[in-house]
Structures are given as structure tokens and as C-alpha cells.
Amino acid sequence: MDDLRDKYIERIAAAGDEAELEDLRVQAVGKKGEISLKMRELGKMTPEERQVAGPALNALKDEINSALSAKKAALADAALDARLRAEWLDVTLPGRTRAAGSIHPVSQVTEEVTAIFADMGFSVAEGPRIDTDWYNFDALNIPSHHPARAEMDTFYMLRAEGDDRPPHVLRTHTSPVQIRHMEAHGAPCRIICPGGVYRADYDQTHTPMFHQVEGLALDRDISMANLKWVLEEFFAAFFEVDGIKTRFRASHFPFTEPSAEVDIQCSWVDGQLKLGEGDDWLEVLGSGMVHPKVLQAGGVDPEQWQGFAFGMGIDRIAMLKYGIPDLRAFFDSDLRWLRHYGFAALDVPTLRGGLSR
């Protein structure tokens, strides 16, 4: 048995792969292996011989099985080591890229607008999206017979029968925020009011919900000249066009007097809109000097203070700047559209670093 042990221990140690090791296992401890055959001879021995040979054969079989297991593990480790060397990977390199989320153009443009006006000293004011018709209409000098107050244009909240509270509406503009800010802080002030607004309209350039940003500046000697400078500075920074020209056209809004529609210079070349050049004009916002009745509604004395206000659609200026053809697509929740028009999460707009990618 010593010769048998030495024979297989040496062969197991010299085995080069798992296939050769399996052959040795079969030869040694398989059903017809040498050690198995010797164990079958125990039945022909006398009891005294079996007491000596039996434990020795069992010990030999255990030793051979242990050697086989150890060699198999060593071969597996060697194979793994060789594979790792062949498939070497620098784990310090970036991993597999994953689909990144996108910032919606409305959110991005809101941040761009905020950054520009913040540089001119405007702070951001916010207010409720559901407000009373007093804040939404009456305080803004919009009379009861005005078409904007009709149910075909404004979303009114359902009231229970006998409810004597003032009617509530989904705000049709962010101007109620101006009234609330004047009530809380008075004058002077410089604020912008970005946010979602609601009107009963739906087509390629209108949606029931959209986004506006309105501005308000109050002081003792503010004039239309200040309004013109602020808007021209904004357009130049937002559209990244130096010296962009503006045109003020007389208009009428209940909450401003005098009132003006504001156009910016543009041209159409091969069906493409170009801003800051050409002989055409594009209407972008409404503006004017705050009406004295609006100042009074906000608790500000119109004999001591005056100011200007303006309002524009965030969705509209996003369409102009980034070439988005249909306003309805802003609310379709189409990931393909968002991947195309969206912005990376770290594209934070700043005047120094650049507003757009």
C-alpha cells in the first residue's frame, strides 16, 4: 500500500489539468480503481487480517481523495489567475455608462431667467397657484365684465352650494404674487415671479397650463426708460446676442398705464428665425407702468411710489431660443423628446459660465 500511495500522490501532484486529475481519480478510487479493488479483497481475509488491512485502506483512500481535492482547488486557482491576467481591467477607469436623466427645458430656462435678473438685483417671489378672484382680477384692476373673467377662459374652483367664501381660480398669470409681495413688503422692491399658470386654451402655441415670469420694480423715480434698459439687458443676455433692438408699441392692459407690447428685432432666413438682425419684429412680452389702482390694492401709496411691470411666457422664450416647434410637446412626457431637448443635471446656468450649453 505504501507503493500505491507514493504512485498516486506523485501523479496527482504532477497533474496539469482537471481532465488528467479526473483520470487519476478513476484509476485510484473509481469503481474499478486499484484502491477500490483492494477493498473488495477484504472479504477474503481472515478477521485478524481485516483488522489490519481495513483501516489502512480507508486511510489511504481518504488521503488520495484529499490530495485530489487539494490539487483540483490549486488548478482552479491557477486557471482563475491566468484568466485574470488575460482579462486585466483597470478598475480606476469609468464604469459602464448609464442613461442619464435630463433637466426639462422649462426648468432650465427658468434658471436662466432667474440668473439674469438676479444679476440686476431682482429677487424671486412665489405665491399660491390657487388664489381668490380678488388677487387674480380685482386687485389688478380687471373689471367684472372683462372677457378674461369668463368661465370659457378661466378655471374656477367648484364651490358648494351656500358657500359664501370668495371664488377661487387657478391663477391665470403670476401677477397675484406681485400684489401679495406689496402687501407683505411694501416699496421699494425689485422682484420676478416665475411659475405655472392656467387658461382654457389648447393648440400648437397654447396649452391649458403654461409658465410665466413677471417682473415688478417699485421706487420713487422709476420710468419707462428704466423698463426699456432692463428688458434690453435681459434679451441680450438670454438670447446671447449683443445689441439686440427692441420696439415698444402702445397697448392696453388693465394693470399698467401706459402699457406697451415689446417686440425684438428678427429675420426669417430659409424658414429659420434669427434674432438680433433683419427688418422684422417678433412680439415677446407685455409691459408698462404699474397702474395706481394696483399700487393701492397692494397697500402702496401711488403718490409716493411708482414702478414698472412686465410679463412673458417661459415656454415661449424657450421655444424661441432652443428651436422647439410645438408647445404641447412640453407636457407630453416623451422621453425621446426630453433626451433631445433636455439639459444635463450639471448644466447650471450662470452669467459668467454661460447660460446655455
Protein backbone atom coordinates (compact mmCIF):
# COMPACT_ATOMS: atom_id res chain seq x y z
CA MET A 1 0.00 0.00 0.00
CA ASP A 2 2.94 2.35 0.52
CA ASP A 3 3.94 1.85 -3.13
CA LEU A 4 0.31 2.54 -4.18
CA ARG A 5 0.21 5.69 -2.08
CA ASP A 6 3.51 7.05 -3.43
CA LYS A 7 2.45 6.27 -7.01
CA TYR A 8 -0.79 8.26 -6.93
CA ILE A 9 0.43 11.12 -4.72
CA GLU A 10 3.24 11.78 -7.24
CA ARG A 11 0.90 11.55 -10.24
CA ILE A 12 -1.69 13.82 -8.60
CA ALA A 13 0.97 16.40 -7.80
CA ALA A 14 2.19 16.33 -11.42
CA ALA A 15 -1.30 16.58 -13.00
CA GLY A 16 -1.51 19.50 -15.42
CA ASP A 17 -5.26 19.96 -15.76
CA GLU A 18 -8.59 18.82 -14.38
CA ALA A 19 -9.08 16.22 -17.11
CA GLU A 20 -5.86 14.43 -16.16
CA LEU A 21 -6.81 14.71 -12.50
CA GLU A 22 -10.17 13.05 -13.20
CA ASP A 23 -8.41 10.14 -14.93
CA LEU A 24 -6.24 9.61 -11.86
CA ARG A 25 -9.31 9.65 -9.61
CA VAL A 26 -10.95 6.94 -11.67
CA GLN A 27 -7.76 4.84 -11.66
CA ALA A 28 -7.33 5.12 -7.91
CA VAL A 29 -10.72 5.32 -6.20
CA GLY A 30 -13.20 4.75 -9.02
CA LYS A 31 -15.46 1.66 -9.01
CA LYS A 32 -12.73 -0.31 -10.74
CA GLY A 33 -9.80 1.63 -9.35
CA GLU A 34 -6.85 -0.04 -7.67
CA ILE A 35 -7.77 1.01 -4.16
CA SER A 36 -11.42 0.04 -4.67
CA LEU A 37 -10.39 -3.41 -5.91
CA LYS A 38 -8.17 -3.92 -2.88
CA MET A 39 -11.05 -3.00 -0.58
CA ARG A 40 -13.13 -5.73 -2.20
CA GLU A 41 -10.42 -8.26 -1.21
CA LEU A 42 -11.16 -7.59 2.47
CA GLY A 43 -13.94 -10.17 2.35
CA LYS A 44 -11.47 -12.93 1.54
CA MET A 45 -9.23 -12.12 4.52
CA THR A 46 -9.37 -13.54 7.98
CA PRO A 47 -10.81 -11.34 10.71
CA GLU A 48 -7.33 -10.68 12.03
CA GLU A 49 -6.08 -9.58 8.57
CA ARG A 50 -9.14 -7.37 8.05
CA GLN A 51 -8.47 -5.53 11.32
CA VAL A 52 -5.07 -4.51 9.98
CA ALA A 53 -5.80 -4.00 6.26
CA GLY A 54 -9.20 -2.32 6.60
CA PRO A 55 -8.13 0.81 8.49
CA ALA A 56 -5.01 1.12 6.33
CA LEU A 57 -7.05 1.04 3.09
CA ASN A 58 -9.59 3.56 4.43
CA ALA A 59 -6.76 5.88 5.46
CA LEU A 60 -5.18 5.51 2.01
CA LYS A 61 -8.49 6.24 0.28
CA ASP A 62 -9.06 9.36 2.43
CA GLU A 63 -5.51 10.58 1.74
CA ILE A 64 -5.90 10.11 -2.03
CA ASN A 65 -9.30 11.93 -2.02
CA SER A 66 -7.80 14.79 0.00
CA ALA A 67 -4.89 15.05 -2.44
CA LEU A 68 -7.32 15.07 -5.38
CA SER A 69 -9.42 17.85 -3.78
CA ALA A 70 -6.38 19.97 -2.94
CA LYS A 71 -4.98 19.60 -6.46
CA LYS A 72 -8.36 20.44 -8.02
CA ALA A 73 -8.55 23.62 -5.96
CA ALA A 74 -4.99 24.53 -6.93
CA LEU A 75 -5.75 24.02 -10.62
CA ALA A 76 -8.90 26.19 -10.32
CA ASP A 77 -6.92 28.96 -8.63
CA ALA A 78 -4.27 28.77 -11.33
CA ALA A 79 -6.92 28.92 -14.06
CA LEU A 80 -8.56 31.92 -12.41
CA ASP A 81 -5.21 33.64 -12.06
CA ALA A 82 -4.44 33.05 -15.73
CA ARG A 83 -7.87 34.34 -16.73
CA LEU A 84 -7.49 37.46 -14.61
CA ARG A 85 -4.12 38.14 -16.20
CA ALA A 86 -5.59 37.69 -19.67
CA GLU A 87 -8.72 39.77 -18.91
CA TRP A 88 -6.98 42.52 -16.98
CA LEU A 89 -9.17 45.53 -16.25
CA ASP A 90 -8.21 48.92 -14.86
CA VAL A 91 -10.87 49.43 -12.19
CA THR A 92 -9.94 53.11 -11.90
CA LEU A 93 -11.43 53.81 -15.34
CA PRO A 94 -15.05 54.98 -15.62
CA GLY A 95 -17.60 52.21 -15.47
CA ARG A 96 -20.30 51.39 -17.93
CA THR A 97 -22.31 54.47 -18.82
CA ARG A 98 -25.94 54.56 -17.75
CA ALA A 99 -28.77 56.56 -19.21
CA ALA A 100 -28.63 59.97 -17.56
CA GLY A 101 -31.66 61.99 -16.53
CA SER A 102 -32.40 65.31 -18.23
CA ILE A 103 -33.46 68.71 -16.98
CA HIS A 104 -36.67 69.87 -18.67
CA PRO A 105 -36.25 72.98 -20.89
CA VAL A 106 -38.83 74.87 -18.79
CA SER A 107 -36.79 74.25 -15.62
CA GLN A 108 -33.56 75.19 -17.39
CA VAL A 109 -34.95 78.40 -18.88
CA THR A 110 -36.47 79.37 -15.53
CA GLU A 111 -33.00 79.09 -14.00
CA GLU A 112 -31.52 81.11 -16.87
CA VAL A 113 -34.09 83.88 -16.42
CA THR A 114 -33.54 83.89 -12.66
CA ALA A 115 -29.76 84.16 -13.06
CA ILE A 116 -30.06 87.14 -15.43
CA PHE A 117 -32.50 89.12 -13.28
CA ALA A 118 -30.62 88.25 -10.09
CA ASP A 119 -27.58 89.94 -11.63
CA MET A 120 -29.73 93.08 -11.99
CA GLY A 121 -30.85 92.96 -8.36
CA PHE A 122 -34.19 91.19 -8.71
CA SER A 123 -35.21 88.57 -6.16
CA VAL A 124 -37.67 85.71 -6.71
CA ALA A 125 -41.16 85.87 -5.19
CA GLU A 126 -43.63 82.99 -5.16
CA GLY A 127 -47.30 82.57 -4.38
CA PRO A 128 -50.17 80.05 -4.48
CA ARG A 129 -51.37 78.61 -7.78
CA ILE A 130 -54.94 78.58 -6.48
CA ASP A 131 -55.93 82.10 -5.49
CA THR A 132 -59.05 84.19 -4.94
CA ASP A 133 -60.52 86.10 -7.85
CA TRP A 134 -59.76 89.28 -5.89
CA TYR A 135 -56.00 88.72 -6.12
CA ASN A 136 -56.23 87.36 -9.65
CA PHE A 137 -58.55 90.02 -11.08
CA ASP A 138 -59.91 92.77 -8.80
CA ALA A 139 -56.61 93.82 -7.23
CA LEU A 140 -55.15 94.05 -10.73
CA ASN A 141 -57.81 96.49 -11.91
CA ILE A 142 -59.51 93.90 -14.11
CA PRO A 143 -63.23 94.82 -14.17
CA SER A 144 -66.01 92.29 -13.63
CA HIS A 145 -67.09 92.44 -17.29
CA HIS A 146 -63.61 91.70 -18.65
CA PRO A 147 -63.55 88.68 -21.03
CA ALA A 148 -60.65 87.10 -19.09
CA ARG A 149 -63.03 86.54 -16.16
CA ALA A 150 -65.41 84.40 -18.23
CA GLU A 151 -65.55 80.68 -17.45
CA MET A 152 -64.55 79.90 -21.03
CA ASP A 153 -61.12 81.45 -20.32
CA THR A 154 -60.54 80.85 -16.60
CA PHE A 155 -60.67 77.71 -14.48
CA TYR A 156 -62.90 78.39 -11.46
CA MET A 157 -62.86 76.08 -8.45
CA LEU A 158 -66.12 74.31 -7.66
CA ARG A 159 -67.93 75.76 -4.64
CA ALA A 160 -70.52 74.00 -2.54
CA GLU A 161 -74.00 75.44 -2.58
CA GLY A 162 -74.30 78.16 0.04
CA ASP A 163 -70.53 78.68 0.30
CA ASP A 164 -70.12 82.47 0.73
CA ARG A 165 -66.34 82.50 0.51
CA PRO A 166 -64.82 84.45 -2.41
CA PRO A 167 -64.45 82.44 -5.63
CA HIS A 168 -61.11 80.71 -6.16
CA VAL A 169 -59.43 80.23 -9.52
CA LEU A 170 -56.39 78.56 -10.96
CA ARG A 171 -54.32 81.69 -11.40
CA THR A 172 -54.27 82.96 -14.98
CA HIS A 173 -50.98 84.84 -14.51
CA THR A 174 -48.38 85.31 -11.77
CA SER A 175 -49.44 88.93 -11.17
CA PRO A 176 -51.26 87.98 -7.91
CA VAL A 177 -47.81 87.31 -6.48
CA GLN A 178 -46.96 90.98 -7.05
CA ILE A 179 -49.99 92.07 -5.01
CA ARG A 180 -49.12 89.68 -2.18
CA HIS A 181 -45.49 90.85 -2.18
CA MET A 182 -46.52 94.50 -1.99
CA GLU A 183 -48.89 93.69 0.88
CA ALA A 184 -46.12 91.91 2.79
CA HIS A 185 -43.08 94.06 1.98
CA GLY A 186 -44.26 97.36 0.53
CA ALA A 187 -41.96 99.54 -1.56
CA PRO A 188 -39.27 99.81 -2.86
CA CYS A 189 -38.90 96.38 -4.40
CA ARG A 190 -37.48 94.50 -7.37
CA ILE A 191 -38.90 91.02 -7.89
CA ILE A 192 -39.63 88.44 -10.56
CA CYS A 193 -42.47 85.93 -10.19
CA PRO A 194 -41.91 82.72 -12.21
CA GLY A 195 -44.39 79.87 -12.08
CA GLY A 196 -47.16 77.84 -13.66
CA VAL A 197 -50.41 79.47 -14.77
CA TYR A 198 -53.66 78.14 -16.26
CA ARG A 199 -56.02 79.20 -19.05
CA ALA A 200 -58.67 77.33 -21.02
CA ASP A 201 -56.85 77.14 -24.35
CA TYR A 202 -55.14 74.36 -26.31
CA ASP A 203 -53.38 74.39 -29.71
CA GLN A 204 -49.85 74.39 -31.15
CA THR A 205 -48.94 77.60 -29.31
CA HIS A 206 -51.30 77.38 -26.30
CA THR A 207 -51.79 74.82 -23.53
CA PRO A 208 -54.16 74.80 -20.52
CA MET A 209 -51.11 75.04 -18.26
CA PHE A 210 -48.00 77.02 -19.12
CA HIS A 211 -45.30 79.04 -17.37
CA GLN A 212 -44.80 82.76 -17.00
CA VAL A 213 -42.29 85.06 -15.42
CA GLU A 214 -43.43 88.52 -14.40
CA GLY A 215 -41.33 91.35 -13.05
CA LEU A 216 -42.06 94.28 -10.77
CA ALA A 217 -39.84 97.21 -9.80
CA LEU A 218 -41.04 100.00 -7.49
CA ASP A 219 -39.21 103.12 -6.42
CA ARG A 220 -39.77 106.88 -6.26
CA ASP A 221 -38.45 107.84 -9.70
CA ILE A 222 -38.68 104.73 -11.92
CA SER A 223 -39.71 105.39 -15.53
CA MET A 224 -40.29 103.61 -18.84
CA ALA A 225 -36.64 104.30 -19.65
CA ASN A 226 -35.64 102.00 -16.78
CA LEU A 227 -38.04 99.34 -18.10
CA LYS A 228 -36.53 99.56 -21.59
CA TRP A 229 -32.98 99.19 -20.26
CA VAL A 230 -33.88 96.19 -18.08
CA LEU A 231 -35.61 94.37 -20.93
CA GLU A 232 -32.85 95.06 -23.46
CA GLU A 233 -30.24 93.82 -20.99
CA PHE A 234 -32.32 90.70 -20.42
CA PHE A 235 -32.78 89.95 -24.12
CA ALA A 236 -29.08 90.42 -24.85
CA ALA A 237 -28.09 88.06 -22.03
CA PHE A 238 -30.81 85.45 -22.60
CA PHE A 239 -30.53 85.14 -26.39
CA GLU A 240 -26.76 85.82 -26.20
CA VAL A 241 -26.99 88.50 -28.89
CA ASP A 242 -25.22 91.80 -28.29
CA GLY A 243 -27.10 94.99 -29.13
CA ILE A 244 -30.47 93.34 -29.76
CA LYS A 245 -33.01 96.03 -30.70
CA THR A 246 -36.46 96.37 -29.14
CA ARG A 247 -39.61 98.13 -30.22
CA PHE A 248 -42.31 99.34 -27.83
CA ARG A 249 -45.85 99.50 -29.23
CA ALA A 250 -48.67 101.23 -27.36
CA SER A 251 -51.18 98.75 -26.00
CA HIS A 252 -53.67 98.38 -23.17
CA PHE A 253 -53.54 96.25 -20.04
CA PRO A 254 -55.83 96.95 -17.07
CA PHE A 255 -52.95 96.73 -14.59
CA THR A 256 -50.50 99.13 -16.31
CA GLU A 257 -50.76 102.69 -17.62
CA PRO A 258 -49.15 103.46 -20.01
CA SER A 259 -48.90 99.93 -21.45
CA ALA A 260 -46.70 98.59 -24.21
CA GLU A 261 -46.18 95.42 -26.20
CA VAL A 262 -42.47 94.72 -26.66
CA ASP A 263 -41.04 93.36 -29.92
CA ILE A 264 -37.48 92.26 -30.63
CA GLN A 265 -35.62 92.55 -33.93
CA CYS A 266 -35.55 89.40 -36.06
CA SER A 267 -35.38 87.99 -39.56
CA TRP A 268 -36.56 84.87 -41.35
CA VAL A 269 -33.85 83.16 -43.44
CA ASP A 270 -34.78 79.94 -45.28
CA GLY A 271 -37.58 79.33 -42.82
CA GLN A 272 -35.34 79.85 -39.79
CA LEU A 273 -35.81 82.62 -37.25
CA LYS A 274 -32.75 84.70 -36.42
CA LEU A 275 -32.88 87.19 -33.55
CA GLY A 276 -30.98 90.46 -33.35
CA GLU A 277 -30.82 91.09 -37.09
CA GLY A 278 -33.08 91.86 -40.04
CA ASP A 279 -36.06 94.11 -40.62
CA ASP A 280 -38.82 92.07 -38.98
CA TRP A 281 -40.16 92.22 -35.43
CA LEU A 282 -41.34 89.49 -33.08
CA GLU A 283 -43.67 90.17 -30.14
CA VAL A 284 -42.31 88.65 -26.92
CA LEU A 285 -43.99 90.30 -23.91
CA GLY A 286 -46.27 92.92 -22.46
CA SER A 287 -45.21 95.66 -20.07
CA GLY A 288 -45.94 99.12 -18.71
CA MET A 289 -46.00 101.38 -15.69
CA VAL A 290 -47.95 99.94 -12.76
CA HIS A 291 -51.47 101.37 -12.58
CA PRO A 292 -52.11 103.49 -9.43
CA LYS A 293 -55.12 101.32 -8.51
CA VAL A 294 -52.88 98.24 -8.50
CA LEU A 295 -50.44 100.00 -6.16
CA GLN A 296 -53.33 100.92 -3.86
CA ALA A 297 -54.59 97.32 -3.84
CA GLY A 298 -51.12 96.23 -2.71
CA GLY A 299 -51.04 98.81 0.08
CA VAL A 300 -48.53 101.11 -1.66
CA ASP A 301 -49.15 104.87 -1.88
CA PRO A 302 -49.18 105.84 -5.61
CA GLU A 303 -48.44 109.46 -4.65
CA GLN A 304 -45.06 108.38 -3.26
CA TRP A 305 -44.11 105.35 -5.38
CA GLN A 306 -44.23 104.29 -8.99
CA GLY A 307 -42.80 101.42 -10.96
CA PHE A 308 -42.91 99.17 -13.98
CA ALA A 309 -44.09 95.61 -14.57
CA PHE A 310 -43.69 93.11 -17.38
CA GLY A 311 -44.65 89.53 -18.14
CA MET A 312 -43.55 86.89 -20.63
CA GLY A 313 -44.11 83.19 -21.27
CA ILE A 314 -41.21 80.97 -20.19
CA ASP A 315 -42.33 78.23 -22.57
CA ARG A 316 -42.44 80.70 -25.46
CA ILE A 317 -38.96 82.09 -24.97
CA ALA A 318 -37.67 78.52 -24.52
CA MET A 319 -39.20 77.67 -27.91
CA LEU A 320 -37.53 80.70 -29.49
CA LYS A 321 -34.11 80.07 -28.02
CA TYR A 322 -33.88 76.31 -28.48
CA GLY A 323 -35.92 75.85 -31.65
CA ILE A 324 -38.78 73.85 -30.15
CA PRO A 325 -41.68 73.88 -32.65
CA ASP A 326 -44.70 72.75 -30.62
CA LEU A 327 -45.67 73.97 -27.15
CA ARG A 328 -47.76 70.84 -26.49
CA ALA A 329 -44.64 68.66 -26.54
CA PHE A 330 -43.53 70.32 -23.28
CA PHE A 331 -46.24 68.33 -21.47
CA ASP A 332 -46.26 65.03 -23.41
CA SER A 333 -43.80 63.24 -21.08
CA ASP A 334 -41.99 61.79 -24.10
CA LEU A 335 -38.54 60.63 -23.02
CA ARG A 336 -37.23 60.79 -26.58
CA TRP A 337 -38.18 64.48 -26.74
CA LEU A 338 -36.65 65.16 -23.34
CA ARG A 339 -33.39 63.41 -24.24
CA HIS A 340 -33.19 65.60 -27.35
CA TYR A 341 -34.13 68.95 -25.82
CA GLY A 342 -33.22 68.30 -22.18
CA PHE A 343 -30.16 69.51 -20.30
CA ALA A 344 -27.59 67.69 -18.20
CA ALA A 345 -28.12 67.96 -14.45
CA LEU A 346 -24.86 69.86 -14.03
CA ASP A 347 -25.61 72.44 -16.75
CA VAL A 348 -26.31 75.10 -14.15
CA PRO A 349 -26.78 78.44 -15.95
CA THR A 350 -24.59 81.33 -14.82
CA LEU A 351 -23.78 84.62 -16.50
CA ARG A 352 -20.07 84.01 -16.11
CA GLY A 353 -20.03 80.37 -17.22
CA GLY A 354 -22.68 80.72 -19.91
CA LEU A 355 -26.41 80.23 -19.84
CA SER A 356 -26.80 77.54 -22.48
CA ARG A 357 -24.74 74.51 -23.46
